Amino acid sequence: METKTEADSTDITERPRHDKSRPYVCTVCDKRFTMKRSMTEHRNRHTGENMYSCTQCEKRYSSAGALCSHKNIHTSKYKCTECGKCCQSNKLLAVHRRSHSGEKPFECTVCSKQFTLAGNLASHSRIHSGEKPYKCHVCNKVFSHSGNLTTHMRLHTGDKKYKCHMCDKTFSKSGTLTKHMILHTGDKEYKCYMCDKAFSLSGDLTTHMRVHTGDKPYKCSPCDRSFSDSSSLQRHKRHVHSNRRPYHCPYCGKLFKTNTELQCHVRIHTGAKPYSCRHCSERFTRLDQLKTHLLKSHNEGTWLTCQICQKKFSQNGNLKKHLRRHEGVKTYVCSDCPKRFYTASELKYHQLIHLGYKPFCCGSCGKYFRRKYTVKSHFKRCFDKLGCLTF
């Protein structure tokens, strides 16, 4: 008869006794362990608990083994002879030396991108597969990297262990602290050798270089569009393929996908126009409206030109939408039929067909229409027939 031992917490489960290989299973990520202690230390990574503290630099770790490896940095046991950097182990030192030699032995079979670590290749491969094996046990959000899950857990625990030594602000991510420090130092040490543009973070430079190389490794599975960075892909999925609208207007109840869209909408009710022109008294509710005004009225800025048909645009977003027509890319897909569209507004008007909604009414004959410009044309024809109005 099979028996199961009771786990000492909700985060630890135990397989049947006859399976003696790795009986302890993490219910968050399904990783298995031979010892209960290893399971407990692993669980601390999900909960954000760092119980083991270094006496020399006050860094904290979730396991005794991680702390022991960290202490090798202070003893200089594994030190690079070229740059003097100290590593936690001989294996990490060998990996570090590849930064000097330029060796990248691990190659992606899909896009041929090369990596110095097998783990980095495995993480990169999830971009192509869309796999997200790491799940938060509090809110069920999933992640493609374990580090992202660990960082996310700090939102639930409230842990902000990264502190700015200049203004005492604290942060849950080391990257956020690094970006914050730029406010104090103003350093931009990473420079593009192709256009001399400078960046404060190496990751920003890496993303920027894709402008020159044309590399777009982040691919959207529903519509096959590609992006140069992961944030653009996530923003695209949220705007185009997701129907989730968590932000609602307190005045009219209208729903929005992002907080930025909501804030712009609220200004319709409040009448706020925070963006003012430096040349005249004109004020605007959105920044893009101000930029367009400066370009058209005061010739301040640069027109963006389509290289195919030479059409000019004041906003980069409008140029991108226009280029989709040349490329034949119809990103926006109707959820009720197979039709596809170039822009969100085209899809929005099309969906009114399925809803049977006609919001625009002709003031002359009372007929309803789906589009504003259609009712304007119809209204003109009505008055022309009556001879009452000439446009």
Protein backbone atom coordinates (compact mmCIF):
# COMPACT_ATOMS: atom_id res chain seq x y z
CA MET A 1 0.00 0.00 0.00
CA GLU A 2 1.39 3.40 -1.01
CA THR A 3 1.71 6.02 1.69
CA LYS A 4 2.52 9.72 1.63
CA THR A 5 4.19 11.65 4.41
CA GLU A 6 2.72 14.98 5.36
CA ALA A 7 4.77 17.98 4.21
CA ASP A 8 5.76 20.43 6.90
CA SER A 9 4.43 23.39 4.89
CA THR A 10 2.21 24.17 1.95
CA ASP A 11 5.28 24.69 -0.24
CA ILE A 12 6.71 21.18 0.23
CA THR A 13 5.14 17.99 -1.02
CA GLU A 14 6.54 14.47 -0.84
CA ARG A 15 6.26 11.73 -3.41
CA PRO A 16 5.35 8.11 -2.45
CA ARG A 17 7.91 6.29 -0.29
CA HIS A 18 8.76 3.75 -2.97
CA ASP A 19 10.22 6.59 -5.11
CA LYS A 20 13.49 7.16 -3.24
CA SER A 21 15.31 9.25 -5.87
CA ARG A 22 14.07 12.79 -5.09
CA PRO A 23 11.10 12.65 -2.74
CA TYR A 24 10.79 16.40 -1.97
CA VAL A 25 9.00 18.49 -4.61
CA CYS A 26 8.56 22.27 -4.77
CA THR A 27 4.94 22.99 -5.60
CA VAL A 28 5.88 26.37 -7.09
CA CYS A 29 8.23 25.19 -9.84
CA ASP A 30 8.10 21.33 -9.47
CA LYS A 31 11.85 21.07 -8.86
CA ARG A 32 12.75 17.91 -6.91
CA PHE A 33 15.28 17.38 -4.11
CA THR A 34 16.83 14.47 -2.24
CA MET A 35 16.97 16.29 1.11
CA LYS A 36 14.42 18.33 3.00
CA ARG A 37 17.05 20.96 3.88
CA SER A 38 17.80 21.54 0.20
CA MET A 39 14.08 21.89 -0.43
CA THR A 40 13.76 24.49 2.36
CA GLU A 41 16.71 26.52 1.05
CA HIS A 42 15.25 26.40 -2.45
CA ARG A 43 11.84 27.52 -1.15
CA ASN A 44 13.45 30.65 0.32
CA ARG A 45 14.20 31.80 -3.22
CA HIS A 46 10.48 31.91 -3.95
CA THR A 47 9.53 33.58 -0.68
CA GLY A 48 12.42 36.08 -0.82
CA GLU A 49 13.84 35.00 2.57
CA ASN A 50 17.63 35.50 2.84
CA MET A 51 18.69 34.01 6.18
CA TYR A 52 22.47 33.77 5.70
CA SER A 53 24.42 37.03 5.99
CA CYS A 54 28.05 37.77 5.06
CA THR A 55 29.95 39.36 7.97
CA GLN A 56 32.27 41.33 5.68
CA CYS A 57 29.86 43.02 3.24
CA GLU A 58 26.43 42.32 4.80
CA LYS A 59 25.11 40.60 1.66
CA ARG A 60 22.42 38.03 2.41
CA TYR A 61 21.74 34.63 0.81
CA SER A 62 18.99 32.03 0.92
CA SER A 63 21.35 29.07 1.55
CA ALA A 64 24.54 28.32 3.48
CA GLY A 65 26.17 26.99 0.30
CA ALA A 66 25.56 30.25 -1.56
CA LEU A 67 27.09 32.20 1.36
CA CYS A 68 30.12 29.91 1.44
CA SER A 69 30.72 30.41 -2.30
CA HIS A 70 30.34 34.17 -1.86
CA LYS A 71 33.06 34.28 0.83
CA ASN A 72 35.62 33.14 -1.78
CA ILE A 73 35.38 36.63 -3.27
CA HIS A 74 36.79 38.15 -0.06
CA THR A 75 39.62 35.57 0.19
CA SER A 76 40.67 36.15 -3.47
CA LYS A 77 40.92 32.37 -3.88
CA TYR A 78 39.73 32.47 -7.49
CA LYS A 79 41.22 35.65 -8.91
CA CYS A 80 41.49 36.59 -12.60
CA THR A 81 45.09 37.31 -13.56
CA GLU A 82 44.07 39.73 -16.32
CA CYS A 83 41.68 42.12 -14.53
CA GLY A 84 41.97 41.12 -10.86
CA LYS A 85 38.28 40.20 -10.46
CA CYS A 86 37.57 37.61 -7.74
CA CYS A 87 35.08 34.83 -8.44
CA GLN A 88 33.14 32.47 -6.19
CA SER A 89 34.43 29.25 -7.75
CA ASN A 90 36.92 27.89 -10.26
CA LYS A 91 34.07 27.18 -12.69
CA LEU A 92 32.87 30.80 -12.55
CA LEU A 93 36.46 31.98 -13.02
CA ALA A 94 36.72 29.88 -16.21
CA VAL A 95 33.46 31.42 -17.45
CA HIS A 96 34.71 34.93 -16.57
CA ARG A 97 37.88 34.41 -18.61
CA ARG A 98 35.70 34.03 -21.72
CA SER A 99 34.94 37.75 -21.40
CA HIS A 100 38.60 38.39 -22.15
CA SER A 101 38.97 35.74 -24.87
CA GLY A 102 35.58 36.45 -26.51
CA GLU A 103 34.74 32.73 -26.57
CA LYS A 104 31.01 31.92 -26.96
CA PRO A 105 30.68 28.13 -27.30
CA PHE A 106 26.89 27.87 -27.03
CA GLU A 107 24.83 28.71 -30.15
CA CYS A 108 21.06 29.02 -30.62
CA THR A 109 19.78 26.61 -33.30
CA VAL A 110 16.95 29.01 -34.25
CA CYS A 111 18.67 32.40 -34.70
CA SER A 112 22.38 31.39 -34.42
CA LYS A 113 23.00 33.81 -31.53
CA GLN A 114 25.99 32.73 -29.41
CA PHE A 115 26.41 32.70 -25.63
CA THR A 116 29.20 32.18 -23.10
CA LEU A 117 26.97 30.13 -20.76
CA ALA A 118 24.72 27.14 -21.41
CA GLY A 119 22.21 28.62 -18.95
CA ASN A 120 22.02 31.85 -20.96
CA LEU A 121 21.31 29.81 -24.10
CA ALA A 122 18.56 27.89 -22.29
CA SER A 123 16.99 31.17 -21.10
CA HIS A 124 17.28 32.67 -24.60
CA SER A 125 15.60 29.62 -26.18
CA ARG A 126 12.44 30.42 -24.22
CA ILE A 127 12.07 33.57 -26.34
CA HIS A 128 11.44 31.32 -29.34
CA SER A 129 9.42 28.66 -27.52
CA GLY A 130 7.38 31.02 -25.32
CA GLU A 131 7.92 28.66 -22.36
CA LYS A 132 7.40 30.15 -18.87
CA PRO A 133 8.14 27.41 -16.32
CA TYR A 134 8.43 29.59 -13.20
CA LYS A 135 5.13 30.38 -11.47
CA CYS A 136 4.36 32.65 -8.52
CA HIS A 137 2.41 30.70 -5.89
CA VAL A 138 0.76 33.90 -4.60
CA CYS A 139 -0.73 35.45 -7.76
CA ASN A 140 -0.05 32.66 -10.33
CA LYS A 141 1.95 34.97 -12.61
CA VAL A 142 4.42 33.00 -14.77
CA PHE A 143 7.99 33.85 -15.80
CA SER A 144 10.55 32.55 -18.26
CA HIS A 145 13.51 33.07 -15.85
CA SER A 146 13.89 32.07 -12.21
CA GLY A 147 15.58 35.40 -11.46
CA ASN A 148 12.49 37.26 -12.65
CA LEU A 149 10.35 35.17 -10.30
CA THR A 150 12.69 35.89 -7.37
CA THR A 151 12.50 39.62 -8.11
CA HIS A 152 8.72 39.44 -8.50
CA MET A 153 8.32 37.76 -5.09
CA ARG A 154 9.68 40.92 -3.45
CA LEU A 155 6.47 42.67 -4.49
CA HIS A 156 4.59 40.30 -2.18
CA THR A 157 7.17 40.27 0.64
CA GLY A 158 7.89 44.02 0.47
CA ASP A 159 11.63 43.33 0.53
CA LYS A 160 13.74 46.24 -0.79
CA LYS A 161 17.32 45.26 -0.06
CA TYR A 162 19.06 47.58 -2.56
CA LYS A 163 19.73 50.94 -0.90
CA CYS A 164 21.13 54.13 -2.43
CA HIS A 165 24.02 55.38 -0.27
CA MET A 166 23.45 58.97 -1.42
CA CYS A 167 19.75 59.52 -0.69
CA ASP A 168 18.75 56.39 1.33
CA LYS A 169 16.10 55.33 -1.19
CA THR A 170 15.54 51.56 -1.33
CA PHE A 171 14.70 49.32 -4.29
CA SER A 172 13.63 45.73 -4.86
CA LYS A 173 15.84 45.33 -7.99
CA SER A 174 19.56 45.94 -8.36
CA GLY A 175 18.95 47.19 -11.91
CA THR A 176 16.53 49.81 -10.61
CA LEU A 177 19.15 51.00 -8.12
CA THR A 178 21.75 51.18 -10.91
CA LYS A 179 19.42 53.32 -13.02
CA HIS A 180 18.64 55.49 -9.99
CA MET A 181 22.35 56.13 -9.32
CA ILE A 182 22.63 57.75 -12.75
CA LEU A 183 20.52 60.62 -11.35
CA HIS A 184 23.37 61.33 -8.93
CA THR A 185 26.37 60.60 -11.18
CA GLY A 186 25.11 61.37 -14.69
CA ASP A 187 27.54 58.77 -16.10
CA LYS A 188 27.11 57.46 -19.67
CA GLU A 189 30.08 55.15 -20.17
CA TYR A 190 28.63 52.84 -22.86
CA LYS A 191 29.09 54.46 -26.27
CA CYS A 192 27.84 53.23 -29.66
CA TYR A 193 30.75 53.07 -32.11
CA MET A 194 28.42 53.53 -35.10
CA CYS A 195 26.58 56.73 -34.15
CA ASP A 196 28.41 57.99 -31.01
CA LYS A 197 25.23 57.78 -28.92
CA ALA A 198 26.00 57.14 -25.23
CA PHE A 199 24.14 55.07 -22.63
CA SER A 200 24.34 54.61 -18.89
CA LEU A 201 23.62 50.86 -18.97
CA SER A 202 25.24 48.13 -21.09
CA GLY A 203 21.81 46.57 -21.70
CA ASP A 204 20.54 49.82 -23.21
CA LEU A 205 23.52 49.86 -25.56
CA THR A 206 22.87 46.23 -26.58
CA THR A 207 19.24 47.08 -27.39
CA HIS A 208 20.32 50.21 -29.28
CA MET A 209 22.78 48.27 -31.46
CA ARG A 210 19.84 46.36 -32.93
CA VAL A 211 18.80 49.62 -34.61
CA HIS A 212 21.96 49.31 -36.73
CA THR A 213 21.99 45.51 -37.14
CA GLY A 214 18.23 45.11 -37.68
CA ASP A 215 18.18 42.19 -35.26
CA LYS A 216 14.70 41.49 -33.84
CA PRO A 217 14.97 38.34 -31.67
CA TYR A 218 11.65 38.76 -29.83
CA LYS A 219 8.85 37.27 -31.90
CA CYS A 220 5.10 37.44 -31.25
CA SER A 221 3.58 33.98 -31.77
CA PRO A 222 -0.01 35.10 -32.62
CA CYS A 223 0.91 37.48 -35.46
CA ASP A 224 4.61 36.72 -36.26
CA ARG A 225 5.74 40.32 -35.69
CA SER A 226 9.29 40.70 -34.36
CA PHE A 227 10.74 43.22 -31.91
CA SER A 228 14.21 44.35 -30.89
CA ASP A 229 13.53 44.21 -27.13
CA SER A 230 11.29 42.24 -24.78
CA SER A 231 9.48 45.31 -23.40
CA SER A 232 8.26 46.22 -26.90
CA LEU A 233 6.99 42.66 -27.37
CA GLN A 234 5.12 42.72 -24.05
CA ARG A 235 3.64 46.14 -24.84
CA HIS A 236 2.54 44.84 -28.26
CA LYS A 237 0.86 41.77 -26.75
CA ARG A 238 -0.92 43.89 -24.15
CA HIS A 239 -2.23 46.39 -26.69
CA VAL A 240 -3.02 44.11 -29.61
CA HIS A 241 -3.73 40.56 -28.41
CA SER A 242 -5.02 41.07 -24.88
CA ASN A 243 -8.59 42.06 -24.05
CA ARG A 244 -7.72 42.80 -20.42
CA ARG A 245 -8.53 46.41 -19.43
CA PRO A 246 -7.78 46.80 -15.70
CA TYR A 247 -7.86 50.62 -15.57
CA HIS A 248 -11.29 52.28 -15.37
CA CYS A 249 -12.24 55.97 -15.52
CA PRO A 250 -13.77 57.24 -12.26
CA TYR A 251 -15.93 59.73 -14.20
CA CYS A 252 -17.53 57.62 -16.96
CA GLY A 253 -16.42 54.05 -16.20
CA LYS A 254 -14.59 53.57 -19.53
CA LEU A 255 -11.92 50.84 -19.39
CA PHE A 256 -8.28 51.09 -20.55
CA LYS A 257 -5.36 48.72 -21.02
CA THR A 258 -2.70 51.03 -19.54
CA ASN A 259 -2.57 53.68 -16.84
CA THR A 260 -1.11 56.16 -19.37
CA GLU A 261 -4.19 55.83 -21.59
CA LEU A 262 -6.42 56.35 -18.53
CA GLN A 263 -4.56 59.51 -17.44
CA CYS A 264 -4.88 60.99 -20.95
CA HIS A 265 -8.59 60.17 -21.00
CA VAL A 266 -9.27 61.69 -17.55
CA ARG A 267 -8.05 65.06 -18.88
CA ILE A 268 -11.15 65.12 -21.12
CA HIS A 269 -13.28 65.28 -17.96
CA THR A 270 -11.01 67.58 -15.95
CA GLY A 271 -10.07 69.85 -18.86
CA ALA A 272 -6.39 69.70 -17.85
CA LYS A 273 -3.84 70.66 -20.53
CA PRO A 274 -0.42 70.19 -18.92
CA TYR A 275 1.66 70.64 -22.11
CA SER A 276 2.19 74.26 -23.20
CA CYS A 277 3.93 75.66 -26.28
CA ARG A 278 6.99 77.81 -25.52
CA HIS A 279 6.33 80.00 -28.55
CA CYS A 280 2.61 80.75 -28.17
CA SER A 281 -0.26 80.39 -25.71
CA GLU A 282 -1.50 77.04 -27.07
CA ARG A 283 -1.85 74.19 -24.54
CA PHE A 284 -2.38 70.46 -25.13
CA THR A 285 -3.62 67.40 -23.26
CA ARG A 286 -0.97 65.05 -24.74
CA LEU A 287 2.75 65.38 -25.39
CA ASP A 288 2.48 64.07 -28.97
CA GLN A 289 -0.04 66.84 -29.74
CA LEU A 290 2.48 69.44 -28.54
CA LYS A 291 5.28 67.91 -30.66
CA THR A 292 3.06 67.94 -33.75
CA HIS A 293 2.10 71.58 -33.07
CA LEU A 294 5.75 72.64 -32.70
CA LEU A 295 6.61 70.95 -35.98
CA LYS A 296 3.70 72.28 -38.02
CA SER A 297 3.30 75.78 -36.55
CA HIS A 298 6.84 76.71 -35.47
CA ASN A 299 8.96 74.42 -37.68
CA GLU A 300 10.66 73.00 -34.56
CA GLY A 301 11.73 69.38 -34.98
CA THR A 302 12.24 67.06 -37.95
CA TRP A 303 9.67 65.53 -40.28
CA LEU A 304 9.88 61.74 -40.63
CA THR A 305 9.80 60.57 -44.25
CA CYS A 306 8.65 57.21 -45.61
CA GLN A 307 11.50 55.96 -47.80
CA ILE A 308 9.04 54.13 -50.09
CA CYS A 309 6.48 56.79 -50.97
CA GLN A 310 8.11 59.93 -49.47
CA LYS A 311 5.06 60.71 -47.33
CA LYS A 312 5.93 62.83 -44.27
CA PHE A 313 4.89 62.27 -40.66
CA SER A 314 5.28 64.25 -37.47
CA GLN A 315 5.26 61.21 -35.14
CA ASN A 316 7.38 58.06 -35.31
CA GLY A 317 4.37 55.93 -34.31
CA ASN A 318 2.37 57.21 -37.29
CA LEU A 319 5.26 56.37 -39.62
CA LYS A 320 5.44 52.82 -38.23
CA LYS A 321 1.69 52.35 -38.79
CA HIS A 322 2.07 53.65 -42.35
CA LEU A 323 4.96 51.27 -43.11
CA ARG A 324 2.75 48.29 -42.26
CA ARG A 325 0.67 49.07 -45.35
CA HIS A 326 3.77 48.81 -47.57
CA GLU A 327 4.85 45.61 -45.82
CA GLY A 328 1.34 44.14 -45.90
CA VAL A 329 1.47 43.47 -42.15
CA LYS A 330 -2.04 43.36 -40.66
CA THR A 331 -1.34 43.02 -36.95
CA TYR A 332 -4.82 43.49 -35.54
CA VAL A 333 -7.06 40.41 -35.75
CA CYS A 334 -10.82 40.36 -35.16
CA SER A 335 -11.81 37.93 -32.40
CA ASP A 336 -15.17 37.19 -34.07
CA CYS A 337 -14.03 36.57 -37.66
CA PRO A 338 -10.74 35.95 -39.56
CA LYS A 339 -10.41 39.53 -40.82
CA ARG A 340 -7.16 41.41 -40.09
CA PHE A 341 -6.42 45.14 -40.03
CA TYR A 342 -3.47 47.52 -40.17
CA THR A 343 -4.48 49.73 -37.22
CA ALA A 344 -6.37 49.42 -33.93
CA SER A 345 -8.90 52.04 -35.04
CA GLU A 346 -9.77 50.01 -38.17
CA LEU A 347 -10.33 46.94 -36.00
CA LYS A 348 -12.40 48.98 -33.52
CA TYR A 349 -14.79 50.21 -36.23
CA HIS A 350 -15.00 46.72 -37.76
CA GLN A 351 -16.02 45.17 -34.43
CA LEU A 352 -19.04 47.48 -34.34
CA ILE A 353 -20.45 45.31 -37.17
CA HIS A 354 -20.52 42.28 -34.86
CA LEU A 355 -21.89 44.33 -31.98
CA GLY A 356 -24.52 45.98 -34.15
CA TYR A 357 -23.61 49.31 -32.55
CA LYS A 358 -24.11 52.55 -34.54
CA PRO A 359 -23.23 55.50 -32.29
CA PHE A 360 -23.41 58.38 -34.82
CA CYS A 361 -26.81 59.84 -35.71
CA CYS A 362 -27.74 62.11 -38.64
CA GLY A 363 -29.40 65.24 -37.25
CA SER A 364 -31.50 65.61 -40.39
CA CYS A 365 -33.12 62.21 -40.94
CA GLY A 366 -32.29 60.36 -37.70
CA LYS A 367 -30.38 57.54 -39.43
CA TYR A 368 -27.55 55.91 -37.43
CA PHE A 369 -24.01 55.09 -38.65
CA ARG A 370 -20.92 53.34 -37.33
CA ARG A 371 -18.36 55.96 -38.44
CA LYS A 372 -18.25 59.68 -37.75
CA TYR A 373 -17.14 60.68 -41.26
CA THR A 374 -19.97 58.56 -42.76
CA VAL A 375 -22.64 60.47 -40.85
CA LYS A 376 -21.01 63.77 -41.87
CA SER A 377 -21.20 62.82 -45.57
CA HIS A 378 -24.78 61.62 -45.18
CA PHE A 379 -25.74 64.79 -43.28
CA LYS A 380 -24.35 66.91 -46.17
CA ARG A 381 -26.38 64.94 -48.74
CA CYS A 382 -29.56 65.38 -46.69
CA PHE A 383 -29.16 69.15 -46.61
CA ASP A 384 -28.13 69.34 -50.27
CA LYS A 385 -31.40 67.60 -51.21
CA LEU A 386 -33.34 70.11 -49.14
CA GLY A 387 -31.27 73.01 -50.48
CA CYS A 388 -30.84 74.26 -46.93
CA LEU A 389 -27.06 74.14 -46.55
CA THR A 390 -24.04 74.35 -48.81
CA PHE A 391 -20.68 72.95 -47.74
